Amino acid sequence: MSKTRSNLDRLFLGCPIYKARQPYCKFFLWLDEHVAGVGLTETRYMGEKEFVDVEDYHGKQDIEMRITCLEKRIIALEIKKNPIGWCICVIFIVLSFAVLSCKN
């Protein structure tokens, strides 16, 4: 519960080791804002009404976006890693042709 004058007695969620002399995750959330953001939205699926939790819906979109971002980062890292492998392969092929050329 907040003890500041501007947010007196306002509930919040935070990292449990915030005041400990340890690294912490800096998580902070005002509980009333979070509860206000949670609600029900009506969607239509196959002609039937379906109620979806707004937070779950946006959370799924956020997770999908993070997965897409991570997949792109993995591809970029593989591309950065791969040129070394390709260079070694090209050098090996060039040396093989050089050895075969010298034998003729």
N, C-alpha and C. Protein backbone atom coordinates (compact mmCIF):
# COMPACT_ATOMS: atom_id res chain seq x y z
N MET A 1 0.85 -1.16 0.00
CA MET A 1 0.00 0.00 0.00
C MET A 1 0.90 1.24 0.00
N SER A 2 0.58 2.17 -0.88
CA SER A 2 1.39 3.37 -1.02
C SER A 2 1.27 4.27 0.19
N LYS A 3 2.38 4.86 0.56
CA LYS A 3 2.40 5.78 1.71
C LYS A 3 2.70 7.22 1.27
N THR A 4 2.81 7.48 -0.01
CA THR A 4 3.10 8.83 -0.48
C THR A 4 1.85 9.69 -0.44
N ARG A 5 2.03 11.00 -0.36
CA ARG A 5 0.88 11.90 -0.29
C ARG A 5 0.06 11.88 -1.57
N SER A 6 0.73 11.79 -2.70
CA SER A 6 0.01 11.82 -3.98
C SER A 6 -0.79 10.55 -4.24
N ASN A 7 -0.39 9.44 -3.64
CA ASN A 7 -1.08 8.16 -3.85
C ASN A 7 -1.36 7.46 -2.52
N LEU A 8 -1.79 8.20 -1.54
CA LEU A 8 -1.98 7.67 -0.20
C LEU A 8 -2.96 6.49 -0.18
N ASP A 9 -2.53 5.40 0.42
CA ASP A 9 -3.31 4.18 0.59
C ASP A 9 -3.73 3.52 -0.73
N ARG A 10 -3.03 3.81 -1.78
CA ARG A 10 -3.33 3.20 -3.08
C ARG A 10 -2.58 1.87 -3.17
N LEU A 11 -3.26 0.82 -3.60
CA LEU A 11 -2.65 -0.51 -3.67
C LEU A 11 -1.83 -0.65 -4.95
N PHE A 12 -0.71 -1.35 -4.82
CA PHE A 12 0.13 -1.61 -5.98
C PHE A 12 0.79 -2.97 -5.85
N LEU A 13 1.26 -3.47 -6.96
CA LEU A 13 2.02 -4.72 -7.00
C LEU A 13 3.43 -4.36 -7.46
N GLY A 14 4.41 -4.95 -6.84
CA GLY A 14 5.79 -4.68 -7.21
C GLY A 14 6.67 -5.88 -6.95
N CYS A 15 7.89 -5.78 -7.39
CA CYS A 15 8.86 -6.86 -7.17
C CYS A 15 9.05 -7.06 -5.67
N PRO A 16 8.95 -8.29 -5.18
CA PRO A 16 9.04 -8.53 -3.74
C PRO A 16 10.42 -8.22 -3.15
N ILE A 17 11.46 -8.17 -3.96
CA ILE A 17 12.79 -7.87 -3.42
C ILE A 17 13.24 -6.46 -3.79
N TYR A 18 12.27 -5.55 -4.01
CA TYR A 18 12.58 -4.17 -4.39
C TYR A 18 13.45 -3.47 -3.35
N LYS A 19 13.11 -3.59 -2.07
CA LYS A 19 13.86 -2.89 -1.03
C LYS A 19 15.05 -3.69 -0.51
N ALA A 20 15.19 -4.93 -0.93
CA ALA A 20 16.34 -5.74 -0.52
C ALA A 20 17.57 -5.27 -1.30
N ARG A 21 18.71 -5.54 -0.77
CA ARG A 21 19.94 -5.13 -1.46
C ARG A 21 20.36 -6.22 -2.44
N GLN A 22 19.45 -6.50 -3.36
CA GLN A 22 19.67 -7.51 -4.39
C GLN A 22 19.15 -6.96 -5.71
N PRO A 23 19.59 -7.51 -6.83
CA PRO A 23 19.01 -7.11 -8.11
C PRO A 23 17.53 -7.46 -8.13
N TYR A 24 16.74 -6.60 -8.71
CA TYR A 24 15.30 -6.84 -8.78
C TYR A 24 14.81 -6.52 -10.18
N CYS A 25 13.58 -6.96 -10.48
CA CYS A 25 13.07 -6.88 -11.85
C CYS A 25 12.38 -5.56 -12.20
N LYS A 26 12.22 -4.65 -11.27
CA LYS A 26 11.60 -3.34 -11.49
C LYS A 26 10.13 -3.44 -11.91
N PHE A 27 9.48 -4.54 -11.57
CA PHE A 27 8.06 -4.68 -11.87
C PHE A 27 7.26 -3.78 -10.94
N PHE A 28 6.32 -3.02 -11.51
CA PHE A 28 5.46 -2.15 -10.71
C PHE A 28 4.14 -2.00 -11.43
N LEU A 29 3.04 -2.08 -10.68
CA LEU A 29 1.71 -2.00 -11.28
C LEU A 29 0.73 -1.47 -10.25
N TRP A 30 0.01 -0.39 -10.61
CA TRP A 30 -1.07 0.10 -9.74
C TRP A 30 -2.23 -0.87 -9.88
N LEU A 31 -2.70 -1.38 -8.77
CA LEU A 31 -3.74 -2.41 -8.79
C LEU A 31 -5.06 -1.88 -9.35
N ASP A 32 -5.45 -0.66 -8.99
CA ASP A 32 -6.73 -0.14 -9.47
C ASP A 32 -6.73 0.07 -10.99
N GLU A 33 -5.59 0.51 -11.56
CA GLU A 33 -5.50 0.67 -13.01
C GLU A 33 -5.57 -0.68 -13.71
N HIS A 34 -4.93 -1.67 -13.11
CA HIS A 34 -4.93 -3.01 -13.69
C HIS A 34 -6.34 -3.59 -13.68
N VAL A 35 -7.04 -3.47 -12.55
CA VAL A 35 -8.40 -4.00 -12.44
C VAL A 35 -9.33 -3.28 -13.41
N ALA A 36 -9.14 -1.97 -13.59
CA ALA A 36 -9.98 -1.21 -14.52
C ALA A 36 -9.75 -1.67 -15.96
N GLY A 37 -8.54 -2.13 -16.26
CA GLY A 37 -8.23 -2.59 -17.61
C GLY A 37 -8.75 -3.97 -17.93
N VAL A 38 -9.13 -4.71 -16.91
CA VAL A 38 -9.65 -6.06 -17.11
C VAL A 38 -11.16 -5.95 -17.29
N GLY A 39 -11.65 -6.51 -18.36
CA GLY A 39 -13.09 -6.45 -18.60
C GLY A 39 -13.49 -7.52 -19.57
N LEU A 40 -14.73 -7.48 -19.98
CA LEU A 40 -15.22 -8.45 -20.94
C LEU A 40 -15.53 -7.75 -22.24
N THR A 41 -15.21 -8.39 -23.33
CA THR A 41 -15.55 -7.87 -24.64
C THR A 41 -16.32 -8.96 -25.38
N GLU A 42 -17.24 -8.55 -26.19
CA GLU A 42 -18.06 -9.51 -26.91
C GLU A 42 -17.47 -9.73 -28.30
N THR A 43 -17.29 -10.97 -28.68
CA THR A 43 -16.81 -11.29 -30.02
C THR A 43 -17.77 -12.28 -30.65
N ARG A 44 -17.70 -12.40 -31.94
CA ARG A 44 -18.56 -13.36 -32.63
C ARG A 44 -17.66 -14.43 -33.24
N TYR A 45 -18.03 -15.67 -33.00
CA TYR A 45 -17.29 -16.79 -33.56
C TYR A 45 -18.31 -17.82 -34.01
N MET A 46 -18.35 -18.08 -35.30
CA MET A 46 -19.28 -19.05 -35.87
C MET A 46 -20.73 -18.71 -35.51
N GLY A 47 -21.06 -17.41 -35.48
CA GLY A 47 -22.43 -17.00 -35.22
C GLY A 47 -22.85 -17.04 -33.77
N GLU A 48 -21.97 -17.42 -32.87
CA GLU A 48 -22.31 -17.48 -31.46
C GLU A 48 -21.56 -16.39 -30.71
N LYS A 49 -22.15 -15.95 -29.61
CA LYS A 49 -21.47 -14.96 -28.79
C LYS A 49 -20.45 -15.66 -27.90
N GLU A 50 -19.31 -15.05 -27.81
CA GLU A 50 -18.25 -15.60 -26.97
C GLU A 50 -17.68 -14.43 -26.16
N PHE A 51 -17.52 -14.60 -24.87
CA PHE A 51 -16.97 -13.54 -24.05
C PHE A 51 -15.49 -13.83 -23.80
N VAL A 52 -14.71 -12.81 -24.00
CA VAL A 52 -13.26 -12.95 -23.89
C VAL A 52 -12.75 -11.93 -22.87
N ASP A 53 -11.84 -12.34 -22.05
CA ASP A 53 -11.19 -11.43 -21.11
C ASP A 53 -10.27 -10.53 -21.92
N VAL A 54 -10.44 -9.23 -21.78
CA VAL A 54 -9.66 -8.27 -22.55
C VAL A 54 -8.17 -8.47 -22.31
N GLU A 55 -7.80 -8.69 -21.06
CA GLU A 55 -6.38 -8.86 -20.74
C GLU A 55 -5.82 -10.11 -21.41
N ASP A 56 -6.58 -11.20 -21.40
CA ASP A 56 -6.13 -12.42 -22.06
C ASP A 56 -5.97 -12.19 -23.56
N TYR A 57 -6.93 -11.49 -24.16
CA TYR A 57 -6.89 -11.23 -25.60
C TYR A 57 -5.65 -10.43 -25.96
N HIS A 58 -5.42 -9.33 -25.24
CA HIS A 58 -4.26 -8.50 -25.53
C HIS A 58 -2.97 -9.21 -25.14
N GLY A 59 -3.03 -10.03 -24.09
CA GLY A 59 -1.85 -10.80 -23.69
C GLY A 59 -1.44 -11.79 -24.76
N LYS A 60 -2.43 -12.43 -25.40
CA LYS A 60 -2.12 -13.37 -26.47
C LYS A 60 -1.50 -12.65 -27.66
N GLN A 61 -2.03 -11.46 -27.97
CA GLN A 61 -1.45 -10.68 -29.07
C GLN A 61 -0.02 -10.29 -28.73
N ASP A 62 0.21 -9.89 -27.48
CA ASP A 62 1.55 -9.50 -27.05
C ASP A 62 2.50 -10.68 -27.13
N ILE A 63 2.06 -11.85 -26.71
CA ILE A 63 2.90 -13.05 -26.76
C ILE A 63 3.21 -13.41 -28.21
N GLU A 64 2.20 -13.34 -29.08
CA GLU A 64 2.43 -13.64 -30.49
C GLU A 64 3.44 -12.66 -31.09
N MET A 65 3.33 -11.39 -30.72
CA MET A 65 4.25 -10.39 -31.23
C MET A 65 5.67 -10.65 -30.72
N ARG A 66 5.79 -11.04 -29.46
CA ARG A 66 7.11 -11.35 -28.90
C ARG A 66 7.72 -12.58 -29.57
N ILE A 67 6.89 -13.59 -29.82
CA ILE A 67 7.38 -14.80 -30.50
C ILE A 67 7.89 -14.45 -31.88
N THR A 68 7.12 -13.64 -32.62
CA THR A 68 7.54 -13.22 -33.96
C THR A 68 8.86 -12.47 -33.89
N CYS A 69 8.98 -11.57 -32.92
CA CYS A 69 10.21 -10.80 -32.76
C CYS A 69 11.39 -11.72 -32.44
N LEU A 70 11.18 -12.68 -31.55
CA LEU A 70 12.25 -13.62 -31.20
C LEU A 70 12.65 -14.49 -32.38
N GLU A 71 11.67 -14.91 -33.18
CA GLU A 71 11.98 -15.70 -34.37
C GLU A 71 12.85 -14.90 -35.33
N LYS A 72 12.52 -13.62 -35.51
CA LYS A 72 13.33 -12.76 -36.39
C LYS A 72 14.74 -12.59 -35.85
N ARG A 73 14.86 -12.45 -34.52
CA ARG A 73 16.19 -12.31 -33.92
C ARG A 73 17.00 -13.59 -34.09
N ILE A 74 16.35 -14.75 -33.96
CA ILE A 74 17.05 -16.02 -34.15
C ILE A 74 17.56 -16.14 -35.57
N ILE A 75 16.71 -15.78 -36.54
CA ILE A 75 17.12 -15.83 -37.94
C ILE A 75 18.30 -14.90 -38.19
N ALA A 76 18.24 -13.69 -37.63
CA ALA A 76 19.34 -12.73 -37.80
C ALA A 76 20.63 -13.26 -37.19
N LEU A 77 20.54 -13.89 -36.02
CA LEU A 77 21.73 -14.46 -35.39
C LEU A 77 22.28 -15.63 -36.19
N GLU A 78 21.40 -16.45 -36.75
CA GLU A 78 21.86 -17.55 -37.58
C GLU A 78 22.57 -17.03 -38.83
N ILE A 79 22.05 -15.95 -39.40
CA ILE A 79 22.69 -15.36 -40.58
C ILE A 79 24.06 -14.80 -40.20
N LYS A 80 24.16 -14.16 -39.03
CA LYS A 80 25.45 -13.64 -38.59
C LYS A 80 26.44 -14.77 -38.33
N LYS A 81 25.95 -15.87 -37.82
CA LYS A 81 26.81 -17.01 -37.51
C LYS A 81 27.21 -17.75 -38.77
N ASN A 82 26.32 -17.84 -39.72
CA ASN A 82 26.52 -18.63 -40.92
C ASN A 82 27.63 -18.13 -41.84
N PRO A 83 27.89 -16.84 -42.02
CA PRO A 83 28.94 -16.43 -42.95
C PRO A 83 30.28 -17.08 -42.66
N ILE A 84 30.59 -17.30 -41.40
CA ILE A 84 31.85 -17.96 -41.07
C ILE A 84 31.86 -19.38 -41.63
N GLY A 85 30.76 -20.07 -41.47
CA GLY A 85 30.65 -21.42 -42.02
C GLY A 85 30.76 -21.42 -43.53
N TRP A 86 30.09 -20.45 -44.18
CA TRP A 86 30.16 -20.34 -45.64
C TRP A 86 31.58 -20.00 -46.08
N CYS A 87 32.26 -19.13 -45.37
CA CYS A 87 33.64 -18.78 -45.74
C CYS A 87 34.55 -20.00 -45.66
N ILE A 88 34.40 -20.77 -44.62
CA ILE A 88 35.20 -21.99 -44.47
C ILE A 88 34.90 -22.95 -45.61
N CYS A 89 33.63 -23.08 -45.96
CA CYS A 89 33.23 -23.97 -47.05
C CYS A 89 33.83 -23.50 -48.37
N VAL A 90 33.77 -22.20 -48.65
CA VAL A 90 34.32 -21.65 -49.90
C VAL A 90 35.83 -21.84 -49.94
N ILE A 91 36.50 -21.58 -48.83
CA ILE A 91 37.96 -21.77 -48.78
C ILE A 91 38.30 -23.23 -49.05
N PHE A 92 37.56 -24.15 -48.46
CA PHE A 92 37.81 -25.57 -48.68
C PHE A 92 37.63 -25.93 -50.16
N ILE A 93 36.58 -25.42 -50.79
CA ILE A 93 36.33 -25.71 -52.20
C ILE A 93 37.44 -25.13 -53.07
N VAL A 94 37.86 -23.90 -52.78
CA VAL A 94 38.93 -23.27 -53.57
C VAL A 94 40.22 -24.06 -53.40
N LEU A 95 40.53 -24.46 -52.19
CA LEU A 95 41.74 -25.26 -51.97
C LEU A 95 41.66 -26.61 -52.67
N SER A 96 40.48 -27.21 -52.68
CA SER A 96 40.30 -28.49 -53.36
C SER A 96 40.55 -28.34 -54.86
N PHE A 97 40.00 -27.28 -55.45
CA PHE A 97 40.24 -27.04 -56.87
C PHE A 97 41.71 -26.73 -57.14
N ALA A 98 42.36 -26.01 -56.23
CA ALA A 98 43.77 -25.69 -56.40
C ALA A 98 44.61 -26.96 -56.36
N VAL A 99 44.31 -27.85 -55.44
CA VAL A 99 45.05 -29.12 -55.33
C VAL A 99 44.82 -29.96 -56.58
N LEU A 100 43.57 -30.03 -57.03
CA LEU A 100 43.27 -30.81 -58.24
C LEU A 100 43.93 -30.19 -59.47
N SER A 101 44.01 -28.88 -59.54
CA SER A 101 44.65 -28.20 -60.67
C SER A 101 46.14 -28.46 -60.68
N CYS A 102 46.76 -28.50 -59.51
CA CYS A 102 48.20 -28.75 -59.43
C CYS A 102 48.54 -30.17 -59.84
N LYS A 103 47.64 -31.12 -59.61
CA LYS A 103 47.90 -32.52 -59.96
C LYS A 103 47.86 -32.71 -61.47
N ASN A 104 47.10 -31.90 -62.19
CA ASN A 104 46.99 -32.03 -63.65
C ASN A 104 48.16 -31.39 -64.27
